[in-house]
Amino acid sequence: MLLDFAPWQTVYWYFTRWHDDGTVGRIHDALRSKVRVADGRQAEPSAGLIDSQSIRTADTVPAATRGFDAGKKIKGRKRFIVTDTLGLLLAVHVVAANVQDRDGARHPLLWTRLNHPGVRKIWADQGFAGRLVDWADQTLGRELEIVRKDLDQRGFRVQSKRWAVERTFSWLTAHWRLARDYEASPARSETMIRWAMIGLMVRRLTRCRPTTRTGPKPLIQLRPLEGAVRT
């Protein structure tokens, strides 16, 4: 059976070109705003959540960009994401798995502050407690609230306020391309995560978008890419 896919060289050319010129980020952000509005929210969020996930890497991933997470017993990389309260991605940062949460969280928190200035509070788990809370307050002027487990908690329990970001990780790992990190560059891994979220948001919008006589209305308007490869 033949699959209707373009040659992999063409697909990879678009992936790298759109990664380098920021097209993927612009598509992702435009869709996130539309999903929020379709859900009855403002286009820009006022609160967020942060969490990390350690993931195994393929053998082709350079050793310099991976490490060992002693707590999770995983050799690979660690993904830091900041989401809104719907679980939609606001910032992502991929580092070696041996990077501590309080250190790896600084970049995505800073990017959230710069790109989404309306986000005034971010919830996090106990792994982000300590000096990161003071840094967020003093440097970013934002409140990082630690959501702690109940003292009598035994086993798994859905955490108040934090469940949305944990659900986002489950969305991501449902994509076979993200069940393990295959990218040579951490920045390309971040772009692959954005692509997964783009697919998720497109499916969500397609279920509720209006139609016209000529067919469904386009989700977003894109300008032609100069120098595009013809197939």
N, C-alpha and C. Protein backbone atom coordinates (compact mmCIF):
# COMPACT_ATOMS: atom_id res chain seq x y z
N MET A 1 0.85 -1.20 0.00
CA MET A 1 0.00 0.00 0.00
C MET A 1 0.88 1.25 0.00
N LEU A 2 0.59 2.18 -0.90
CA LEU A 2 1.37 3.41 -1.00
C LEU A 2 0.81 4.45 -0.03
N LEU A 3 1.72 5.14 0.65
CA LEU A 3 1.32 6.21 1.56
C LEU A 3 1.53 7.55 0.89
N ASP A 4 0.60 8.46 1.10
CA ASP A 4 0.64 9.75 0.43
C ASP A 4 1.53 10.72 1.20
N PHE A 5 2.82 10.43 1.24
CA PHE A 5 3.78 11.28 1.90
C PHE A 5 4.78 11.82 0.89
N ALA A 6 5.25 13.04 1.11
CA ALA A 6 6.30 13.62 0.28
C ALA A 6 7.62 12.92 0.57
N PRO A 7 8.61 13.02 -0.31
CA PRO A 7 9.93 12.45 -0.02
C PRO A 7 10.47 13.02 1.29
N TRP A 8 11.16 12.19 2.07
CA TRP A 8 11.60 12.62 3.38
C TRP A 8 12.54 13.81 3.29
N GLN A 9 13.30 13.91 2.19
CA GLN A 9 14.21 15.06 2.04
C GLN A 9 13.42 16.37 1.98
N THR A 10 12.28 16.34 1.29
CA THR A 10 11.44 17.54 1.20
C THR A 10 10.85 17.89 2.55
N VAL A 11 10.35 16.88 3.24
CA VAL A 11 9.76 17.11 4.56
C VAL A 11 10.79 17.68 5.51
N TYR A 12 11.99 17.12 5.50
CA TYR A 12 13.02 17.60 6.42
C TYR A 12 13.47 19.00 6.03
N TRP A 13 13.48 19.33 4.75
CA TRP A 13 13.84 20.69 4.33
C TRP A 13 12.87 21.70 4.93
N TYR A 14 11.58 21.40 4.83
CA TYR A 14 10.59 22.30 5.41
C TYR A 14 10.73 22.37 6.93
N PHE A 15 10.97 21.23 7.57
CA PHE A 15 11.12 21.21 9.03
C PHE A 15 12.26 22.12 9.48
N THR A 16 13.42 21.99 8.84
CA THR A 16 14.58 22.80 9.25
C THR A 16 14.38 24.27 8.87
N ARG A 17 13.82 24.53 7.70
CA ARG A 17 13.62 25.92 7.27
C ARG A 17 12.63 26.63 8.19
N TRP A 18 11.52 25.98 8.49
CA TRP A 18 10.50 26.59 9.34
C TRP A 18 10.97 26.67 10.79
N HIS A 19 11.84 25.76 11.19
CA HIS A 19 12.45 25.87 12.52
C HIS A 19 13.35 27.11 12.58
N ASP A 20 14.19 27.27 11.55
CA ASP A 20 15.18 28.34 11.57
C ASP A 20 14.56 29.73 11.45
N ASP A 21 13.50 29.87 10.65
CA ASP A 21 12.94 31.22 10.44
C ASP A 21 11.77 31.54 11.37
N GLY A 22 11.46 30.62 12.29
CA GLY A 22 10.42 30.91 13.28
C GLY A 22 9.00 30.65 12.83
N THR A 23 8.82 30.05 11.64
CA THR A 23 7.47 29.81 11.14
C THR A 23 6.68 28.89 12.07
N VAL A 24 7.34 27.85 12.58
CA VAL A 24 6.64 26.90 13.45
C VAL A 24 6.11 27.62 14.70
N GLY A 25 6.93 28.48 15.29
CA GLY A 25 6.50 29.21 16.46
C GLY A 25 5.31 30.12 16.18
N ARG A 26 5.32 30.77 15.02
CA ARG A 26 4.22 31.68 14.69
C ARG A 26 2.92 30.91 14.45
N ILE A 27 3.01 29.78 13.76
CA ILE A 27 1.81 28.96 13.55
C ILE A 27 1.26 28.48 14.89
N HIS A 28 2.16 27.99 15.74
CA HIS A 28 1.77 27.47 17.04
C HIS A 28 1.06 28.55 17.87
N ASP A 29 1.65 29.73 17.94
CA ASP A 29 1.08 30.79 18.78
C ASP A 29 -0.26 31.28 18.24
N ALA A 30 -0.39 31.35 16.91
CA ALA A 30 -1.66 31.77 16.32
C ALA A 30 -2.77 30.77 16.65
N LEU A 31 -2.46 29.49 16.57
CA LEU A 31 -3.45 28.47 16.88
C LEU A 31 -3.82 28.47 18.36
N ARG A 32 -2.82 28.69 19.23
CA ARG A 32 -3.12 28.71 20.67
C ARG A 32 -4.12 29.81 21.00
N SER A 33 -3.93 30.98 20.42
CA SER A 33 -4.87 32.07 20.67
C SER A 33 -6.27 31.71 20.21
N LYS A 34 -6.37 31.06 19.04
CA LYS A 34 -7.69 30.68 18.51
C LYS A 34 -8.36 29.63 19.39
N VAL A 35 -7.57 28.67 19.90
CA VAL A 35 -8.14 27.65 20.78
C VAL A 35 -8.66 28.29 22.06
N ARG A 36 -7.92 29.22 22.63
CA ARG A 36 -8.34 29.88 23.86
C ARG A 36 -9.63 30.67 23.62
N VAL A 37 -9.69 31.40 22.53
CA VAL A 37 -10.89 32.19 22.23
C VAL A 37 -12.08 31.27 22.00
N ALA A 38 -11.86 30.15 21.28
CA ALA A 38 -12.94 29.20 21.04
C ALA A 38 -13.45 28.58 22.33
N ASP A 39 -12.60 28.54 23.36
CA ASP A 39 -12.99 28.00 24.65
C ASP A 39 -13.59 29.06 25.57
N GLY A 40 -13.76 30.26 25.04
CA GLY A 40 -14.35 31.33 25.83
C GLY A 40 -13.36 32.07 26.70
N ARG A 41 -12.07 31.94 26.42
CA ARG A 41 -11.04 32.63 27.20
C ARG A 41 -10.51 33.83 26.42
N GLN A 42 -9.73 34.66 27.12
CA GLN A 42 -8.98 35.71 26.45
C GLN A 42 -7.86 35.07 25.62
N ALA A 43 -7.43 35.76 24.57
CA ALA A 43 -6.39 35.20 23.70
C ALA A 43 -5.10 34.96 24.46
N GLU A 44 -4.79 35.83 25.44
CA GLU A 44 -3.58 35.69 26.24
C GLU A 44 -3.92 35.26 27.66
N PRO A 45 -3.16 34.32 28.22
CA PRO A 45 -3.47 33.81 29.57
C PRO A 45 -2.99 34.75 30.66
N SER A 46 -3.50 34.54 31.87
CA SER A 46 -3.08 35.32 33.03
C SER A 46 -2.41 34.44 34.08
N ALA A 47 -2.42 33.12 33.88
CA ALA A 47 -1.79 32.20 34.82
C ALA A 47 -1.24 31.02 34.05
N GLY A 48 -0.26 30.35 34.65
CA GLY A 48 0.35 29.23 33.97
C GLY A 48 0.80 28.14 34.92
N LEU A 49 1.35 27.08 34.36
CA LEU A 49 1.86 25.95 35.14
C LEU A 49 3.18 25.51 34.53
N ILE A 50 4.09 25.03 35.37
CA ILE A 50 5.37 24.55 34.88
C ILE A 50 5.64 23.16 35.44
N ASP A 51 6.29 22.33 34.63
CA ASP A 51 6.66 20.99 35.07
C ASP A 51 7.78 20.50 34.16
N SER A 52 8.40 19.39 34.55
CA SER A 52 9.47 18.80 33.75
C SER A 52 9.21 17.32 33.55
N GLN A 53 9.82 16.77 32.51
CA GLN A 53 9.67 15.36 32.18
C GLN A 53 11.00 14.84 31.64
N SER A 54 11.52 13.81 32.25
CA SER A 54 12.73 13.16 31.76
C SER A 54 12.34 12.09 30.75
N ILE A 55 13.08 12.04 29.64
CA ILE A 55 12.75 11.14 28.55
C ILE A 55 14.03 10.49 28.03
N ARG A 56 13.93 9.23 27.67
CA ARG A 56 15.09 8.54 27.11
C ARG A 56 15.39 9.03 25.71
N THR A 57 16.63 8.92 25.31
CA THR A 57 17.06 9.39 23.99
C THR A 57 17.53 8.21 23.14
N ALA A 58 17.54 8.44 21.85
CA ALA A 58 18.07 7.44 20.92
C ALA A 58 19.59 7.43 20.99
N ASP A 59 20.19 6.37 20.50
CA ASP A 59 21.65 6.25 20.53
C ASP A 59 22.34 7.29 19.66
N THR A 60 21.60 7.85 18.71
CA THR A 60 22.18 8.84 17.80
C THR A 60 22.27 10.23 18.41
N VAL A 61 21.65 10.43 19.57
CA VAL A 61 21.69 11.75 20.22
C VAL A 61 23.08 11.97 20.82
N PRO A 62 23.71 13.12 20.55
CA PRO A 62 25.06 13.37 21.07
C PRO A 62 25.13 13.28 22.59
N ALA A 63 26.19 12.69 23.09
CA ALA A 63 26.35 12.51 24.54
C ALA A 63 26.41 13.85 25.27
N ALA A 64 26.89 14.88 24.59
CA ALA A 64 27.04 16.19 25.23
C ALA A 64 25.69 16.83 25.57
N THR A 65 24.60 16.37 24.93
CA THR A 65 23.29 16.97 25.16
C THR A 65 22.37 16.07 25.98
N ARG A 66 22.90 15.01 26.57
CA ARG A 66 22.08 14.15 27.42
C ARG A 66 22.80 13.87 28.73
N GLY A 67 22.06 13.43 29.72
CA GLY A 67 22.62 13.16 31.03
C GLY A 67 21.77 12.14 31.76
N PHE A 68 22.06 11.92 33.05
CA PHE A 68 21.36 10.90 33.83
C PHE A 68 20.57 11.56 34.94
N ASP A 69 19.26 11.32 34.93
CA ASP A 69 18.38 11.80 35.99
C ASP A 69 18.37 10.74 37.09
N ALA A 70 19.08 11.01 38.17
CA ALA A 70 19.21 10.03 39.24
C ALA A 70 17.88 9.75 39.93
N GLY A 71 17.02 10.74 40.00
CA GLY A 71 15.73 10.56 40.66
C GLY A 71 14.80 9.65 39.87
N LYS A 72 14.78 9.82 38.54
CA LYS A 72 13.89 9.02 37.69
C LYS A 72 14.60 7.81 37.10
N LYS A 73 15.91 7.71 37.31
CA LYS A 73 16.71 6.60 36.76
C LYS A 73 16.59 6.55 35.23
N ILE A 74 16.68 7.73 34.62
CA ILE A 74 16.55 7.83 33.17
C ILE A 74 17.78 8.54 32.60
N LYS A 75 18.35 7.95 31.56
CA LYS A 75 19.46 8.58 30.85
C LYS A 75 18.92 9.19 29.57
N GLY A 76 19.02 10.49 29.46
CA GLY A 76 18.48 11.15 28.28
C GLY A 76 18.40 12.64 28.45
N ARG A 77 17.23 13.20 28.14
CA ARG A 77 17.02 14.64 28.21
C ARG A 77 15.82 14.94 29.11
N LYS A 78 15.73 16.20 29.48
CA LYS A 78 14.61 16.65 30.32
C LYS A 78 13.88 17.79 29.60
N ARG A 79 12.56 17.67 29.54
CA ARG A 79 11.72 18.69 28.92
C ARG A 79 11.08 19.55 30.00
N PHE A 80 11.26 20.84 29.89
CA PHE A 80 10.57 21.79 30.76
C PHE A 80 9.51 22.48 29.91
N ILE A 81 8.28 22.49 30.39
CA ILE A 81 7.22 23.20 29.67
C ILE A 81 6.45 24.10 30.62
N VAL A 82 6.02 25.23 30.10
CA VAL A 82 5.08 26.11 30.78
C VAL A 82 3.81 26.11 29.94
N THR A 83 2.67 25.86 30.56
CA THR A 83 1.39 25.85 29.85
C THR A 83 0.43 26.84 30.50
N ASP A 84 -0.65 27.12 29.79
CA ASP A 84 -1.73 27.87 30.42
C ASP A 84 -2.60 26.88 31.18
N THR A 85 -3.70 27.33 31.74
CA THR A 85 -4.54 26.45 32.55
C THR A 85 -5.36 25.47 31.70
N LEU A 86 -5.33 25.64 30.37
CA LEU A 86 -5.95 24.66 29.48
C LEU A 86 -4.95 23.56 29.08
N GLY A 87 -3.69 23.75 29.45
CA GLY A 87 -2.66 22.80 29.06
C GLY A 87 -2.00 23.14 27.74
N LEU A 88 -2.25 24.32 27.20
CA LEU A 88 -1.65 24.73 25.93
C LEU A 88 -0.26 25.32 26.18
N LEU A 89 0.66 25.03 25.30
CA LEU A 89 2.07 25.36 25.49
C LEU A 89 2.34 26.86 25.40
N LEU A 90 3.07 27.38 26.39
CA LEU A 90 3.53 28.76 26.37
C LEU A 90 5.04 28.83 26.16
N ALA A 91 5.79 27.89 26.72
CA ALA A 91 7.24 27.87 26.57
C ALA A 91 7.73 26.44 26.74
N VAL A 92 8.84 26.11 26.06
CA VAL A 92 9.43 24.79 26.17
C VAL A 92 10.94 24.92 26.13
N HIS A 93 11.61 24.11 26.94
CA HIS A 93 13.07 24.13 27.00
C HIS A 93 13.54 22.69 27.21
N VAL A 94 14.44 22.21 26.36
CA VAL A 94 14.96 20.85 26.43
C VAL A 94 16.44 20.90 26.79
N VAL A 95 16.80 20.16 27.83
CA VAL A 95 18.18 20.14 28.33
C VAL A 95 18.56 18.69 28.65
N ALA A 96 19.80 18.48 29.09
CA ALA A 96 20.23 17.17 29.54
C ALA A 96 19.45 16.79 30.80
N ALA A 97 19.22 15.49 30.98
CA ALA A 97 18.35 15.03 32.08
C ALA A 97 18.95 15.25 33.45
N ASN A 98 20.26 15.51 33.54
CA ASN A 98 20.88 15.70 34.85
C ASN A 98 20.72 17.13 35.37
N VAL A 99 20.12 18.02 34.60
CA VAL A 99 19.88 19.39 35.03
C VAL A 99 18.76 19.42 36.07
N GLN A 100 19.00 20.08 37.19
CA GLN A 100 18.00 20.16 38.25
C GLN A 100 16.83 21.05 37.83
N ASP A 101 15.66 20.76 38.39
CA ASP A 101 14.46 21.52 38.04
C ASP A 101 14.64 23.02 38.31
N ARG A 102 15.22 23.35 39.44
CA ARG A 102 15.35 24.77 39.81
C ARG A 102 16.28 25.53 38.87
N ASP A 103 17.16 24.80 38.16
CA ASP A 103 18.06 25.45 37.20
C ASP A 103 17.46 25.46 35.79
N GLY A 104 16.92 24.34 35.37
CA GLY A 104 16.37 24.26 34.03
C GLY A 104 15.10 25.07 33.83
N ALA A 105 14.43 25.43 34.93
CA ALA A 105 13.17 26.17 34.82
C ALA A 105 13.37 27.65 34.52
N ARG A 106 14.56 28.16 34.70
CA ARG A 106 14.75 29.61 34.57
C ARG A 106 14.50 30.11 33.15
N HIS A 107 14.98 29.40 32.15
CA HIS A 107 14.78 29.84 30.77
C HIS A 107 13.30 29.87 30.39
N PRO A 108 12.54 28.79 30.58
CA PRO A 108 11.13 28.88 30.19
C PRO A 108 10.33 29.89 31.01
N LEU A 109 10.69 30.09 32.27
CA LEU A 109 10.01 31.12 33.06
C LEU A 109 10.32 32.51 32.51
N LEU A 110 11.57 32.73 32.12
CA LEU A 110 11.95 34.02 31.54
C LEU A 110 11.24 34.24 30.22
N TRP A 111 11.20 33.23 29.37
CA TRP A 111 10.52 33.37 28.07
C TRP A 111 9.03 33.62 28.26
N THR A 112 8.44 32.98 29.26
CA THR A 112 7.03 33.24 29.54
C THR A 112 6.82 34.68 29.96
N ARG A 113 7.72 35.18 30.78
CA ARG A 113 7.63 36.58 31.23
C ARG A 113 7.72 37.54 30.05
N LEU A 114 8.62 37.26 29.10
CA LEU A 114 8.83 38.16 27.96
C LEU A 114 7.72 38.04 26.91
N ASN A 115 7.29 36.82 26.62
CA ASN A 115 6.33 36.60 25.54
C ASN A 115 4.88 36.67 25.99
N HIS A 116 4.66 36.47 27.29
CA HIS A 116 3.29 36.49 27.83
C HIS A 116 3.28 37.31 29.12
N PRO A 117 3.45 38.61 29.00
CA PRO A 117 3.55 39.45 30.20
C PRO A 117 2.31 39.44 31.08
N GLY A 118 1.18 38.99 30.54
CA GLY A 118 -0.03 38.94 31.34
C GLY A 118 -0.05 37.81 32.36
N VAL A 119 0.85 36.84 32.23
CA VAL A 119 0.91 35.73 33.17
C VAL A 119 1.57 36.21 34.46
N ARG A 120 0.80 36.32 35.51
CA ARG A 120 1.29 36.86 36.78
C ARG A 120 1.61 35.78 37.80
N LYS A 121 0.99 34.60 37.65
CA LYS A 121 1.22 33.51 38.61
C LYS A 121 1.43 32.22 37.86
N ILE A 122 2.37 31.41 38.37
CA ILE A 122 2.65 30.10 37.78
C ILE A 122 2.72 29.08 38.91
N TRP A 123 2.01 27.97 38.74
CA TRP A 123 2.01 26.90 39.74
C TRP A 123 3.05 25.84 39.37
N ALA A 124 3.67 25.27 40.40
CA ALA A 124 4.71 24.26 40.19
C ALA A 124 4.67 23.25 41.31
N ASP A 125 5.36 22.12 41.11
CA ASP A 125 5.40 21.11 42.18
C ASP A 125 6.59 21.36 43.09
N GLN A 126 6.80 20.46 44.05
CA GLN A 126 7.81 20.68 45.09
C GLN A 126 9.23 20.67 44.56
N GLY A 127 9.44 20.07 43.39
CA GLY A 127 10.78 20.05 42.81
C GLY A 127 11.30 21.43 42.43
N PHE A 128 10.40 22.41 42.33
CA PHE A 128 10.79 23.76 41.95
C PHE A 128 10.88 24.69 43.16
N ALA A 129 10.70 24.15 44.35
CA ALA A 129 10.73 24.99 45.56
C ALA A 129 12.15 25.44 45.86
N GLY A 130 12.26 26.46 46.71
CA GLY A 130 13.57 26.96 47.11
C GLY A 130 13.92 28.28 46.47
N ARG A 131 15.17 28.41 46.06
CA ARG A 131 15.64 29.71 45.57
C ARG A 131 15.00 30.11 44.24
N LEU A 132 14.44 29.16 43.50
CA LEU A 132 13.77 29.52 42.24
C LEU A 132 12.56 30.41 42.51
N VAL A 133 11.86 30.16 43.61
CA VAL A 133 10.70 30.98 43.97
C VAL A 133 11.13 32.42 44.20
N ASP A 134 12.24 32.61 44.94
CA ASP A 134 12.74 33.95 45.18
C ASP A 134 13.22 34.61 43.89
N TRP A 135 13.88 33.83 43.04
CA TRP A 135 14.37 34.38 41.76
C TRP A 135 13.20 34.86 40.90
N ALA A 136 12.14 34.06 40.82
CA ALA A 136 10.97 34.46 40.02
C ALA A 136 10.35 35.74 40.55
N ASP A 137 10.32 35.89 41.87
CA ASP A 137 9.72 37.07 42.48
C ASP A 137 10.61 38.30 42.29
N GLN A 138 11.90 38.17 42.56
CA GLN A 138 12.80 39.31 42.55
C GLN A 138 13.24 39.70 41.14
N THR A 139 13.46 38.71 40.26
CA THR A 139 13.97 39.00 38.92
C THR A 139 12.85 39.19 37.90
N LEU A 140 11.86 38.33 37.96
CA LEU A 140 10.78 38.38 36.97
C LEU A 140 9.56 39.15 37.45
N GLY A 141 9.45 39.36 38.76
CA GLY A 141 8.27 40.02 39.29
C GLY A 141 7.03 39.18 39.15
N ARG A 142 7.20 37.84 39.24
CA ARG A 142 6.09 36.92 39.09
C ARG A 142 6.04 35.97 40.28
N GLU A 143 4.84 35.50 40.59
CA GLU A 143 4.65 34.59 41.72
C GLU A 143 4.72 33.15 41.25
N LEU A 144 5.67 32.40 41.82
CA LEU A 144 5.77 30.97 41.56
C LEU A 144 5.25 30.26 42.79
N GLU A 145 4.03 29.71 42.68
CA GLU A 145 3.39 29.07 43.83
C GLU A 145 3.62 27.56 43.79
N ILE A 146 4.13 27.02 44.88
CA ILE A 146 4.41 25.59 44.97
C ILE A 146 3.17 24.86 45.47
N VAL A 147 2.71 23.89 44.71
CA VAL A 147 1.57 23.06 45.09
C VAL A 147 2.14 21.80 45.74
N ARG A 148 1.91 21.65 47.02
CA ARG A 148 2.49 20.53 47.77
C ARG A 148 1.47 19.41 47.96
N LYS A 149 1.99 18.21 48.08
CA LYS A 149 1.14 17.05 48.34
C LYS A 149 0.59 17.10 49.76
N ASP A 150 -0.57 16.48 49.94
CA ASP A 150 -1.11 16.35 51.29
C ASP A 150 -0.18 15.47 52.13
N LEU A 151 -0.07 15.78 53.41
CA LEU A 151 0.83 15.03 54.28
C LEU A 151 0.46 13.56 54.36
N ASP A 152 -0.82 13.26 54.23
CA ASP A 152 -1.27 11.87 54.35
C ASP A 152 -1.44 11.17 53.00
N GLN A 153 -0.95 11.80 51.93
CA GLN A 153 -1.13 11.21 50.60
C GLN A 153 -0.30 9.95 50.43
N ARG A 154 -0.91 8.91 49.90
CA ARG A 154 -0.24 7.66 49.58
C ARG A 154 -0.57 7.30 48.13
N GLY A 155 0.47 7.06 47.35
CA GLY A 155 0.26 6.73 45.95
C GLY A 155 -0.08 7.95 45.10
N PHE A 156 -0.56 7.68 43.89
CA PHE A 156 -0.85 8.76 42.95
C PHE A 156 -2.19 9.43 43.27
N ARG A 157 -2.20 10.74 43.14
CA ARG A 157 -3.42 11.52 43.29
C ARG A 157 -3.31 12.76 42.41
N VAL A 158 -4.38 13.09 41.71
CA VAL A 158 -4.37 14.28 40.86
C VAL A 158 -4.15 15.51 41.72
N GLN A 159 -3.15 16.32 41.34
CA GLN A 159 -2.81 17.50 42.11
C GLN A 159 -3.64 18.70 41.67
N SER A 160 -4.20 19.39 42.64
CA SER A 160 -4.98 20.59 42.35
C SER A 160 -4.13 21.61 41.59
N LYS A 161 -4.71 22.20 40.55
CA LYS A 161 -4.10 23.23 39.72
C LYS A 161 -3.02 22.71 38.78
N ARG A 162 -2.36 21.61 39.12
CA ARG A 162 -1.23 21.14 38.31
C ARG A 162 -1.62 20.05 37.32
N TRP A 163 -2.82 19.55 37.38
CA TRP A 163 -3.18 18.42 36.54
C TRP A 163 -3.12 18.75 35.05
N ALA A 164 -3.34 20.02 34.69
CA ALA A 164 -3.38 20.40 33.27
C ALA A 164 -2.02 20.22 32.61
N VAL A 165 -0.94 20.60 33.29
CA VAL A 165 0.39 20.46 32.69
C VAL A 165 0.79 18.99 32.62
N GLU A 166 0.38 18.21 33.60
CA GLU A 166 0.67 16.77 33.56
C GLU A 166 -0.08 16.11 32.41
N ARG A 167 -1.28 16.58 32.13
CA ARG A 167 -2.05 16.06 31.00
C ARG A 167 -1.36 16.41 29.69
N THR A 168 -0.75 17.58 29.62
CA THR A 168 -0.03 17.97 28.40
C THR A 168 1.11 17.01 28.11
N PHE A 169 1.84 16.60 29.13
CA PHE A 169 2.91 15.63 28.93
C PHE A 169 2.34 14.31 28.40
N SER A 170 1.17 13.92 28.86
CA SER A 170 0.58 12.69 28.35
C SER A 170 0.18 12.86 26.89
N TRP A 171 -0.30 14.06 26.51
CA TRP A 171 -0.58 14.33 25.10
C TRP A 171 0.68 14.16 24.27
N LEU A 172 1.79 14.72 24.75
CA LEU A 172 3.03 14.71 23.99
C LEU A 172 3.58 13.31 23.81
N THR A 173 3.61 12.54 24.87
CA THR A 173 4.19 11.20 24.78
C THR A 173 3.29 10.23 24.02
N ALA A 174 2.05 10.62 23.74
CA ALA A 174 1.19 9.80 22.89
C ALA A 174 1.65 9.85 21.44
N HIS A 175 2.47 10.85 21.09
CA HIS A 175 3.06 10.93 19.76
C HIS A 175 4.30 10.04 19.74
N TRP A 176 4.33 9.06 18.84
CA TRP A 176 5.44 8.11 18.85
C TRP A 176 6.77 8.83 18.62
N ARG A 177 6.76 9.94 17.91
CA ARG A 177 8.01 10.67 17.65
C ARG A 177 8.54 11.36 18.90
N LEU A 178 7.69 11.47 19.94
CA LEU A 178 8.10 12.12 21.18
C LEU A 178 8.19 11.14 22.34
N ALA A 179 7.86 9.85 22.11
CA ALA A 179 7.99 8.87 23.17
C ALA A 179 9.46 8.67 23.56
N ARG A 180 10.35 9.03 22.65
CA ARG A 180 11.79 9.03 22.87
C ARG A 180 12.35 10.22 22.10
N ASP A 181 13.44 10.79 22.57
CA ASP A 181 14.02 11.95 21.89
C ASP A 181 15.04 11.46 20.86
N TYR A 182 14.78 11.81 19.59
CA TYR A 182 15.63 11.37 18.49
C TYR A 182 16.47 12.50 17.90
N GLU A 183 16.22 13.72 18.31
CA GLU A 183 16.83 14.88 17.66
C GLU A 183 18.26 15.11 18.13
N ALA A 184 19.15 15.43 17.20
CA ALA A 184 20.54 15.72 17.55
C ALA A 184 20.65 17.01 18.33
N SER A 185 19.77 17.95 18.05
CA SER A 185 19.81 19.26 18.71
C SER A 185 18.63 19.42 19.66
N PRO A 186 18.85 19.88 20.90
CA PRO A 186 17.72 20.13 21.81
C PRO A 186 16.73 21.14 21.24
N ALA A 187 17.23 22.12 20.47
CA ALA A 187 16.32 23.11 19.88
C ALA A 187 15.37 22.46 18.89
N ARG A 188 15.86 21.46 18.15
CA ARG A 188 14.97 20.75 17.22
C ARG A 188 13.95 19.91 17.99
N SER A 189 14.34 19.42 19.15
CA SER A 189 13.39 18.69 20.00
C SER A 189 12.25 19.61 20.43
N GLU A 190 12.59 20.85 20.76
CA GLU A 190 11.57 21.82 21.14
C GLU A 190 10.60 22.08 19.99
N THR A 191 11.15 22.16 18.76
CA THR A 191 10.29 22.36 17.59
C THR A 191 9.39 21.16 17.35
N MET A 192 9.89 19.95 17.59
CA MET A 192 9.06 18.76 17.43
C MET A 192 7.89 18.77 18.42
N ILE A 193 8.14 19.27 19.61
CA ILE A 193 7.07 19.39 20.61
C ILE A 193 6.02 20.40 20.14
N ARG A 194 6.47 21.49 19.57
CA ARG A 194 5.52 22.49 19.05
C ARG A 194 4.69 21.89 17.91
N TRP A 195 5.31 21.09 17.05
CA TRP A 195 4.55 20.45 15.97
C TRP A 195 3.46 19.55 16.54
N ALA A 196 3.79 18.80 17.59
CA ALA A 196 2.79 17.93 18.21
C ALA A 196 1.62 18.74 18.74
N MET A 197 1.91 19.88 19.37
CA MET A 197 0.85 20.74 19.88
C MET A 197 0.05 21.38 18.75
N ILE A 198 0.71 21.69 17.65
CA ILE A 198 0.00 22.23 16.49
C ILE A 198 -1.04 21.23 15.99
N GLY A 199 -0.64 19.96 15.88
CA GLY A 199 -1.58 18.94 15.45
C GLY A 199 -2.75 18.80 16.40
N LEU A 200 -2.46 18.86 17.68
CA LEU A 200 -3.52 18.74 18.68
C LEU A 200 -4.50 19.91 18.59
N MET A 201 -3.97 21.11 18.45
CA MET A 201 -4.84 22.29 18.40
C MET A 201 -5.65 22.34 17.11
N VAL A 202 -5.06 21.93 15.99
CA VAL A 202 -5.80 21.90 14.73
C VAL A 202 -6.99 20.95 14.83
N ARG A 203 -6.77 19.78 15.42
CA ARG A 203 -7.88 18.83 15.58
C ARG A 203 -8.96 19.41 16.48
N ARG A 204 -8.55 20.10 17.51
CA ARG A 204 -9.54 20.68 18.42
C ARG A 204 -10.35 21.78 17.73
N LEU A 205 -9.69 22.61 16.95
CA LEU A 205 -10.39 23.69 16.26
C LEU A 205 -11.28 23.16 15.14
N THR A 206 -10.84 22.11 14.48
CA THR A 206 -11.60 21.57 13.36
C THR A 206 -12.94 21.03 13.80
N ARG A 207 -13.04 20.58 15.05
CA ARG A 207 -14.30 20.04 15.55
C ARG A 207 -15.36 21.10 15.76
N CYS A 208 -14.93 22.40 15.81
CA CYS A 208 -15.93 23.43 16.13
C CYS A 208 -15.90 24.63 15.20
N ARG A 209 -15.09 24.59 14.12
CA ARG A 209 -15.03 25.78 13.28
C ARG A 209 -16.20 25.86 12.32
N PRO A 210 -16.63 27.09 11.95
CA PRO A 210 -17.76 27.26 11.04
C PRO A 210 -17.38 26.91 9.60
N THR A 211 -18.37 26.66 8.78
CA THR A 211 -18.14 26.37 7.37
C THR A 211 -18.85 27.40 6.51
N THR A 212 -18.39 27.52 5.27
CA THR A 212 -19.02 28.41 4.30
C THR A 212 -19.45 27.58 3.09
N ARG A 213 -20.04 28.25 2.11
CA ARG A 213 -20.48 27.53 0.90
C ARG A 213 -19.30 26.92 0.16
N THR A 214 -18.14 27.53 0.27
CA THR A 214 -16.95 27.03 -0.43
C THR A 214 -16.15 26.06 0.42
N GLY A 215 -16.65 25.74 1.62
CA GLY A 215 -15.93 24.79 2.47
C GLY A 215 -15.57 25.41 3.80
N PRO A 216 -14.83 24.69 4.64
CA PRO A 216 -14.44 25.20 5.96
C PRO A 216 -13.58 26.45 5.85
N LYS A 217 -13.79 27.38 6.77
CA LYS A 217 -12.98 28.58 6.81
C LYS A 217 -11.57 28.23 7.25
N PRO A 218 -10.54 28.87 6.66
CA PRO A 218 -9.17 28.54 7.06
C PRO A 218 -8.91 28.93 8.51
N LEU A 219 -8.07 28.11 9.19
CA LEU A 219 -7.77 28.39 10.59
C LEU A 219 -6.88 29.62 10.72
N ILE A 220 -5.85 29.70 9.90
CA ILE A 220 -4.96 30.84 9.92
C ILE A 220 -4.52 31.12 8.49
N GLN A 221 -4.12 32.36 8.22
CA GLN A 221 -3.65 32.74 6.91
C GLN A 221 -2.13 32.73 6.90
N LEU A 222 -1.53 32.02 5.95
CA LEU A 222 -0.09 31.94 5.85
C LEU A 222 0.36 32.52 4.52
N ARG A 223 1.45 33.28 4.55
CA ARG A 223 2.04 33.78 3.33
C ARG A 223 2.91 32.71 2.71
N PRO A 224 3.02 32.68 1.36
CA PRO A 224 3.89 31.68 0.73
C PRO A 224 5.33 31.85 1.22
N LEU A 225 6.04 30.73 1.36
CA LEU A 225 7.42 30.74 1.81
C LEU A 225 8.32 30.92 0.61
N GLU A 226 9.17 31.94 0.63
CA GLU A 226 10.09 32.19 -0.48
C GLU A 226 11.12 31.07 -0.56
N GLY A 227 11.40 30.64 -1.76
CA GLY A 227 12.42 29.63 -1.96
C GLY A 227 11.97 28.24 -1.60
N ALA A 228 10.66 28.01 -1.55
CA ALA A 228 10.15 26.71 -1.14
C ALA A 228 10.50 25.65 -2.17
N VAL A 229 10.74 24.46 -1.70
CA VAL A 229 11.03 23.34 -2.59
C VAL A 229 9.73 22.87 -3.23
N ARG A 230 9.76 22.66 -4.52
CA ARG A 230 8.60 22.17 -5.26
C ARG A 230 8.66 20.66 -5.33
N THR A 231 7.52 20.02 -5.11
CA THR A 231 7.49 18.55 -5.18
C THR A 231 6.55 18.10 -6.27
